[in-house]
Structures are given as C-alpha cells and as structure tokens.
Amino acid sequence: MKAGVAVVWLIAAGAAAAGCSSTTDGAARCPGCGPGGEPSFPTTKPTISTPTTPTTPSPTPTSTQAPPFGGGQTLPPSDTGYVYIETKSGQTRCQLNAQTVGCESDFTNPPVVNGEPANGVEVTASGSVRWIAGNLGNIPTVPLDYAVYHAVGWTIDASSNGTRFTNDGSSHGLFISTEGVQVF
C-alpha cells in the first residue's frame, strides 16, 4: 500500500506544480494591433520653427495700447488645452495650461515629498507652488531653442541658464533650472 500512496502523492504534486506555472502557452492577441501584437501609437513630436530676431527695426504700433508681451513665437495648445515643452538641454520637460505650469527635472538638491526627492514642481497663475514626486509620462513635447515663446497665457523665456515662465495676466511664475526653482 505504501507504493500506491507514493504514486498518488507524486501525481498530486505534479498536478499542483503544473497549476502554479508562471507561464502560459500561446501568443498574445491584440485586435487592431500591428505585427508582433503591440499597439501602435504616433511617436512623432510636433515641430516648431526657431524664432529669429529681425535685423531691421519693427514698425511702431499705431495703437496707443502696448501688446501684453513682446515678440516670440506662439505655441498652440493641444485639444485638451495643454502645451508640452522640453528645454534645449533636454533636462527639463513641462506642461502648461491657462492655470498652471508643471515641470519635471533632475534637480540638484530637491525637497523631499512623501519620502522621495521631488522631481517636479508646479506653479499656478496666482503664484502658489507645489513640489511633486512623479512623472509627466510620455508627453509629446516641443523642443525649445533659447528664445521667447508664448503659450496659453504664459510667456516662456528659455536661456542657457534656465527657463522663466511668467503668467501674462498676473506676472507670477517661476524660473527653473536643474540647480533649483525660484517662484515669483
């Protein structure tokens, strides 16, 4: 009888081991996906032309009211009202809408948020600031040159020292670089 019990135990152990497998036979199926079963997403980034400084003086406006901001290219928002940018160095990425600017970067000495070093910062049009530990994800950024741009009510002044975002209505904003952030 002991041999019979051992056979039953071996069959039961084999069945249990087969049920605990970490692999599944077969191939992944993704209806509408391309070859290899992976979904395809557009990966092209929007392009912008580099603003240039005119070599001849601009004509003086005939209106007595000055424009709300100086020259520079306007970056159009997405269908959801956001503009996504990346600095020329590629070290900082930001998303802007009419109310906020949120950026992520690898800061030199960031504050700690929920036990993690912050890699993001957000400023509102009213000047409130919030540090974030997170990730903007795979956003379709527009790479900036060192120039002035306008987007959804913000003036963006990108330079080799960092990038300044100023709300055109409130004049609040932030200056961001990998060395840190200054809110105004």
C-alpha atoms as a PDB file:
ATOM      1  CA  MET A   1       0.000   0.000   0.000  1.00  0.00           C
ATOM      2  CA  LYS A   2       2.858   2.382   0.603  1.00  0.00           C
ATOM      3  CA  ALA A   3       3.791   2.294  -3.096  1.00  0.00           C
ATOM      4  CA  GLY A   4       0.207   3.220  -4.048  1.00  0.00           C
ATOM      5  CA  VAL A   5       0.200   6.189  -1.658  1.00  0.00           C
ATOM      6  CA  ALA A   6       3.543   7.373  -3.062  1.00  0.00           C
ATOM      7  CA  VAL A   7       2.212   7.224  -6.640  1.00  0.00           C
ATOM      8  CA  VAL A   8      -0.918   9.182  -5.686  1.00  0.00           C
ATOM      9  CA  TRP A   9       1.230  11.745  -3.869  1.00  0.00           C
ATOM     10  CA  LEU A  10       3.548  12.132  -6.901  1.00  0.00           C
ATOM     11  CA  ILE A  11       0.575  12.584  -9.256  1.00  0.00           C
ATOM     12  CA  ALA A  12      -0.960  15.179  -6.891  1.00  0.00           C
ATOM     13  CA  ALA A  13       2.378  17.008  -6.565  1.00  0.00           C
ATOM     14  CA  GLY A  14       2.815  17.063 -10.336  1.00  0.00           C
ATOM     15  CA  ALA A  15      -0.689  18.437 -10.851  1.00  0.00           C
ATOM     16  CA  ALA A  16      -0.134  21.113  -8.201  1.00  0.00           C
ATOM     17  CA  ALA A  17       3.161  22.129  -9.762  1.00  0.00           C
ATOM     18  CA  ALA A  18       1.561  22.363 -13.192  1.00  0.00           C
ATOM     19  CA  GLY A  19      -1.177  24.618 -11.762  1.00  0.00           C
ATOM     20  CA  CYS A  20       1.422  27.006 -10.292  1.00  0.00           C
ATOM     21  CA  SER A  21       3.257  27.657 -13.536  1.00  0.00           C
ATOM     22  CA  SER A  22       4.282  31.250 -14.226  1.00  0.00           C
ATOM     23  CA  THR A  23       3.975  30.862 -17.999  1.00  0.00           C
ATOM     24  CA  THR A  24       1.046  30.452 -20.313  1.00  0.00           C
ATOM     25  CA  ASP A  25       1.289  28.782 -23.675  1.00  0.00           C
ATOM     26  CA  GLY A  26       0.037  30.689 -26.704  1.00  0.00           C
ATOM     27  CA  ALA A  27       0.507  34.082 -28.299  1.00  0.00           C
ATOM     28  CA  ALA A  28      -0.780  37.471 -27.201  1.00  0.00           C
ATOM     29  CA  ARG A  29      -3.630  38.814 -29.289  1.00  0.00           C
ATOM     30  CA  CYS A  30      -4.362  42.494 -29.742  1.00  0.00           C
ATOM     31  CA  PRO A  31      -7.196  43.183 -32.172  1.00  0.00           C
ATOM     32  CA  GLY A  32      -6.242  46.049 -34.463  1.00  0.00           C
ATOM     33  CA  CYS A  33      -2.581  45.954 -33.464  1.00  0.00           C
ATOM     34  CA  GLY A  34       0.280  45.710 -35.891  1.00  0.00           C
ATOM     35  CA  PRO A  35       2.740  42.855 -36.337  1.00  0.00           C
ATOM     36  CA  GLY A  36       4.031  41.423 -33.092  1.00  0.00           C
ATOM     37  CA  GLY A  37       0.795  42.148 -31.200  1.00  0.00           C
ATOM     38  CA  GLU A  38       1.888  45.550 -29.916  1.00  0.00           C
ATOM     39  CA  PRO A  39      -0.417  48.568 -30.215  1.00  0.00           C
ATOM     40  CA  SER A  40       0.963  51.387 -32.294  1.00  0.00           C
ATOM     41  CA  PHE A  41       0.897  54.986 -31.140  1.00  0.00           C
ATOM     42  CA  PRO A  42       2.110  58.018 -33.060  1.00  0.00           C
ATOM     43  CA  THR A  43       5.605  58.849 -31.864  1.00  0.00           C
ATOM     44  CA  THR A  44       6.346  61.954 -33.877  1.00  0.00           C
ATOM     45  CA  LYS A  45       6.821  65.142 -31.931  1.00  0.00           C
ATOM     46  CA  PRO A  46       5.306  68.392 -33.138  1.00  0.00           C
ATOM     47  CA  THR A  47       7.847  70.675 -34.731  1.00  0.00           C
ATOM     48  CA  ILE A  48       8.186  74.402 -34.434  1.00  0.00           C
ATOM     49  CA  SER A  49      10.341  76.831 -36.280  1.00  0.00           C
ATOM     50  CA  THR A  50      13.051  78.650 -34.376  1.00  0.00           C
ATOM     51  CA  PRO A  51      12.142  82.292 -33.755  1.00  0.00           C
ATOM     52  CA  THR A  52      14.530  84.748 -35.306  1.00  0.00           C
ATOM     53  CA  THR A  53      15.361  88.279 -34.344  1.00  0.00           C
ATOM     54  CA  PRO A  54      14.659  90.697 -37.192  1.00  0.00           C
ATOM     55  CA  THR A  55      17.702  92.605 -38.474  1.00  0.00           C
ATOM     56  CA  THR A  56      15.636  95.711 -39.202  1.00  0.00           C
ATOM     57  CA  PRO A  57      13.634  97.560 -36.567  1.00  0.00           C
ATOM     58  CA  SER A  58       9.988  96.585 -36.298  1.00  0.00           C
ATOM     59  CA  PRO A  59       7.432  99.237 -37.186  1.00  0.00           C
ATOM     60  CA  THR A  60       5.990 101.107 -34.220  1.00  0.00           C
ATOM     61  CA  PRO A  61       2.390 100.082 -33.496  1.00  0.00           C
ATOM     62  CA  THR A  62      -0.136 102.792 -34.270  1.00  0.00           C
ATOM     63  CA  SER A  63      -2.275 101.722 -31.313  1.00  0.00           C
ATOM     64  CA  THR A  64      -1.764 103.513 -28.008  1.00  0.00           C
ATOM     65  CA  GLN A  65      -2.114 100.222 -26.140  1.00  0.00           C
ATOM     66  CA  ALA A  66       1.047  98.103 -25.899  1.00  0.00           C
ATOM     67  CA  PRO A  67       0.774  94.376 -26.589  1.00  0.00           C
ATOM     68  CA  PRO A  68       0.635  92.206 -23.438  1.00  0.00           C
ATOM     69  CA  PHE A  69       4.032  90.650 -24.249  1.00  0.00           C
ATOM     70  CA  GLY A  70       6.996  91.185 -26.525  1.00  0.00           C
ATOM     71  CA  GLY A  71       7.937  89.232 -29.652  1.00  0.00           C
ATOM     72  CA  GLY A  72       8.303  85.484 -29.817  1.00  0.00           C
ATOM     73  CA  GLN A  73       6.564  82.515 -31.303  1.00  0.00           C
ATOM     74  CA  THR A  74       3.176  81.305 -30.046  1.00  0.00           C
ATOM     75  CA  LEU A  75       2.957  77.603 -29.262  1.00  0.00           C
ATOM     76  CA  PRO A  76      -0.540  76.225 -29.954  1.00  0.00           C
ATOM     77  CA  PRO A  77      -2.254  74.107 -27.273  1.00  0.00           C
ATOM     78  CA  SER A  78      -3.444  70.532 -27.714  1.00  0.00           C
ATOM     79  CA  ASP A  79      -7.152  69.697 -27.929  1.00  0.00           C
ATOM     80  CA  THR A  80      -7.152  69.475 -24.121  1.00  0.00           C
ATOM     81  CA  GLY A  81      -5.684  72.980 -23.684  1.00  0.00           C
ATOM     82  CA  TYR A  82      -2.114  71.937 -22.810  1.00  0.00           C
ATOM     83  CA  VAL A  83       1.242  72.855 -24.315  1.00  0.00           C
ATOM     84  CA  TYR A  84       4.102  70.408 -23.720  1.00  0.00           C
ATOM     85  CA  ILE A  85       7.694  71.654 -23.969  1.00  0.00           C
ATOM     86  CA  GLU A  86      11.208  70.366 -23.482  1.00  0.00           C
ATOM     87  CA  THR A  87      14.211  72.595 -22.843  1.00  0.00           C
ATOM     88  CA  LYS A  88      17.041  72.693 -25.359  1.00  0.00           C
ATOM     89  CA  SER A  89      19.250  70.691 -22.963  1.00  0.00           C
ATOM     90  CA  GLY A  90      16.559  68.015 -22.703  1.00  0.00           C
ATOM     91  CA  GLN A  91      16.889  68.051 -18.894  1.00  0.00           C
ATOM     92  CA  THR A  92      13.529  69.688 -18.158  1.00  0.00           C
ATOM     93  CA  ARG A  93      10.048  68.919 -19.511  1.00  0.00           C
ATOM     94  CA  CYS A  94       6.938  70.943 -18.750  1.00  0.00           C
ATOM     95  CA  GLN A  95       3.219  71.024 -19.355  1.00  0.00           C
ATOM     96  CA  LEU A  96       1.311  74.304 -19.358  1.00  0.00           C
ATOM     97  CA  ASN A  97      -2.343  75.217 -19.358  1.00  0.00           C
ATOM     98  CA  ALA A  98      -4.044  78.537 -18.643  1.00  0.00           C
ATOM     99  CA  GLN A  99      -3.929  77.974 -14.858  1.00  0.00           C
ATOM    100  CA  THR A 100      -0.629  76.160 -14.174  1.00  0.00           C
ATOM    101  CA  VAL A 101       2.871  75.282 -15.290  1.00  0.00           C
ATOM    102  CA  GLY A 102       4.156  71.891 -14.166  1.00  0.00           C
ATOM    103  CA  CYS A 103       7.752  70.824 -14.835  1.00  0.00           C
ATOM    104  CA  GLU A 104       9.921  67.810 -14.113  1.00  0.00           C
ATOM    105  CA  SER A 105      13.695  67.831 -13.916  1.00  0.00           C
ATOM    106  CA  ASP A 106      16.557  66.095 -12.161  1.00  0.00           C
ATOM    107  CA  PHE A 107      17.126  68.821  -9.554  1.00  0.00           C
ATOM    108  CA  THR A 108      20.471  69.146  -7.779  1.00  0.00           C
ATOM    109  CA  ASN A 109      19.098  69.422  -4.220  1.00  0.00           C
ATOM    110  CA  PRO A 110      15.301  68.987  -4.252  1.00  0.00           C
ATOM    111  CA  PRO A 111      12.985  68.929  -1.240  1.00  0.00           C
ATOM    112  CA  VAL A 112      11.636  65.553  -0.091  1.00  0.00           C
ATOM    113  CA  VAL A 113       7.969  64.788  -0.835  1.00  0.00           C
ATOM    114  CA  ASN A 114       6.381  61.691   0.758  1.00  0.00           C
ATOM    115  CA  GLY A 115       9.833  60.244   1.440  1.00  0.00           C
ATOM    116  CA  GLU A 116      11.027  60.745  -2.157  1.00  0.00           C
ATOM    117  CA  PRO A 117      13.192  63.523  -3.631  1.00  0.00           C
ATOM    118  CA  ALA A 118      10.939  65.832  -5.634  1.00  0.00           C
ATOM    119  CA  ASN A 119      11.496  65.795  -9.384  1.00  0.00           C
ATOM    120  CA  GLY A 120       8.567  68.030 -10.232  1.00  0.00           C
ATOM    121  CA  VAL A 121       7.269  71.467  -9.410  1.00  0.00           C
ATOM    122  CA  GLU A 122       4.006  73.204 -10.238  1.00  0.00           C
ATOM    123  CA  VAL A 123       3.179  76.907 -10.050  1.00  0.00           C
ATOM    124  CA  THR A 124      -0.245  78.470 -10.528  1.00  0.00           C
ATOM    125  CA  ALA A 125      -1.083  81.741 -12.230  1.00  0.00           C
ATOM    126  CA  SER A 126      -1.645  83.186  -8.742  1.00  0.00           C
ATOM    127  CA  GLY A 127       1.885  82.220  -7.634  1.00  0.00           C
ATOM    128  CA  SER A 128       1.167  79.149  -5.470  1.00  0.00           C
ATOM    129  CA  VAL A 129       3.852  76.473  -5.678  1.00  0.00           C
ATOM    130  CA  ARG A 130       3.767  72.726  -5.053  1.00  0.00           C
ATOM    131  CA  TRP A 131       6.646  70.224  -5.206  1.00  0.00           C
ATOM    132  CA  ILE A 132       5.856  66.796  -6.645  1.00  0.00           C
ATOM    133  CA  ALA A 133       7.488  63.354  -6.776  1.00  0.00           C
ATOM    134  CA  GLY A 134       6.133  61.930 -10.010  1.00  0.00           C
ATOM    135  CA  ASN A 135       6.483  61.672 -13.760  1.00  0.00           C
ATOM    136  CA  LEU A 136       4.834  63.521 -16.636  1.00  0.00           C
ATOM    137  CA  GLY A 137       4.847  60.325 -18.697  1.00  0.00           C
ATOM    138  CA  ASN A 138       5.238  60.123 -22.457  1.00  0.00           C
ATOM    139  CA  ILE A 139       4.056  63.618 -23.365  1.00  0.00           C
ATOM    140  CA  PRO A 140       4.517  64.953 -26.929  1.00  0.00           C
ATOM    141  CA  THR A 141       6.978  67.752 -26.118  1.00  0.00           C
ATOM    142  CA  VAL A 142       8.071  70.551 -28.419  1.00  0.00           C
ATOM    143  CA  PRO A 143      11.824  71.161 -28.043  1.00  0.00           C
ATOM    144  CA  LEU A 144      12.587  74.829 -27.367  1.00  0.00           C
ATOM    145  CA  ASP A 145      15.539  76.866 -28.530  1.00  0.00           C
ATOM    146  CA  TYR A 146      16.994  79.707 -26.470  1.00  0.00           C
ATOM    147  CA  ALA A 147      14.280  82.228 -27.314  1.00  0.00           C
ATOM    148  CA  VAL A 148      10.983  83.734 -26.128  1.00  0.00           C
ATOM    149  CA  TYR A 149       7.716  81.863 -26.679  1.00  0.00           C
ATOM    150  CA  HIS A 150       4.059  82.350 -25.729  1.00  0.00           C
ATOM    151  CA  ALA A 151       1.623  79.632 -24.759  1.00  0.00           C
ATOM    152  CA  VAL A 152      -1.859  79.606 -23.195  1.00  0.00           C
ATOM    153  CA  GLY A 153      -1.373  82.916 -21.354  1.00  0.00           C
ATOM    154  CA  TRP A 154       2.271  82.374 -20.319  1.00  0.00           C
ATOM    155  CA  THR A 155       5.488  83.902 -21.637  1.00  0.00           C
ATOM    156  CA  ILE A 156       8.351  81.404 -21.782  1.00  0.00           C
ATOM    157  CA  ASP A 157      11.882  82.816 -21.853  1.00  0.00           C
ATOM    158  CA  ALA A 158      14.309  79.950 -22.464  1.00  0.00           C
ATOM    159  CA  SER A 159      18.031  80.544 -21.989  1.00  0.00           C
ATOM    160  CA  SER A 160      21.165  78.514 -21.290  1.00  0.00           C
ATOM    161  CA  ASN A 161      20.803  79.458 -17.575  1.00  0.00           C
ATOM    162  CA  GLY A 162      17.250  78.112 -17.245  1.00  0.00           C
ATOM    163  CA  THR A 163      13.671  78.787 -18.312  1.00  0.00           C
ATOM    164  CA  ARG A 164      11.371  81.516 -16.991  1.00  0.00           C
ATOM    165  CA  PHE A 165       7.577  81.102 -17.139  1.00  0.00           C
ATOM    166  CA  THR A 166       5.610  84.306 -16.479  1.00  0.00           C
ATOM    167  CA  ASN A 167       1.818  84.443 -16.437  1.00  0.00           C
ATOM    168  CA  ASP A 168       0.782  87.280 -18.750  1.00  0.00           C
ATOM    169  CA  GLY A 169      -2.168  88.286 -16.548  1.00  0.00           C
ATOM    170  CA  SER A 170      -0.746  88.079 -13.025  1.00  0.00           C
ATOM    171  CA  SER A 171       3.032  88.353 -13.658  1.00  0.00           C
ATOM    172  CA  HIS A 172       3.517  85.386 -11.277  1.00  0.00           C
ATOM    173  CA  GLY A 173       5.566  82.402 -12.367  1.00  0.00           C
ATOM    174  CA  LEU A 174       8.794  80.544 -11.889  1.00  0.00           C
ATOM    175  CA  PHE A 175      12.362  80.302 -13.075  1.00  0.00           C
ATOM    176  CA  ILE A 176      13.507  76.684 -13.360  1.00  0.00           C
ATOM    177  CA  SER A 177      16.878  75.045 -13.896  1.00  0.00           C
ATOM    178  CA  THR A 178      18.422  71.807 -12.642  1.00  0.00           C
ATOM    179  CA  GLU A 179      20.016  73.882  -9.843  1.00  0.00           C
ATOM    180  CA  GLY A 180      16.585  74.810  -8.458  1.00  0.00           C
ATOM    181  CA  VAL A 181      13.434  76.863  -8.742  1.00  0.00           C
ATOM    182  CA  GLN A 182      12.634  80.493  -7.979  1.00  0.00           C
ATOM    183  CA  VAL A 183       8.953  81.391  -7.650  1.00  0.00           C
ATOM    184  CA  PHE A 184       7.777  84.970  -8.123  1.00  0.00           C
END
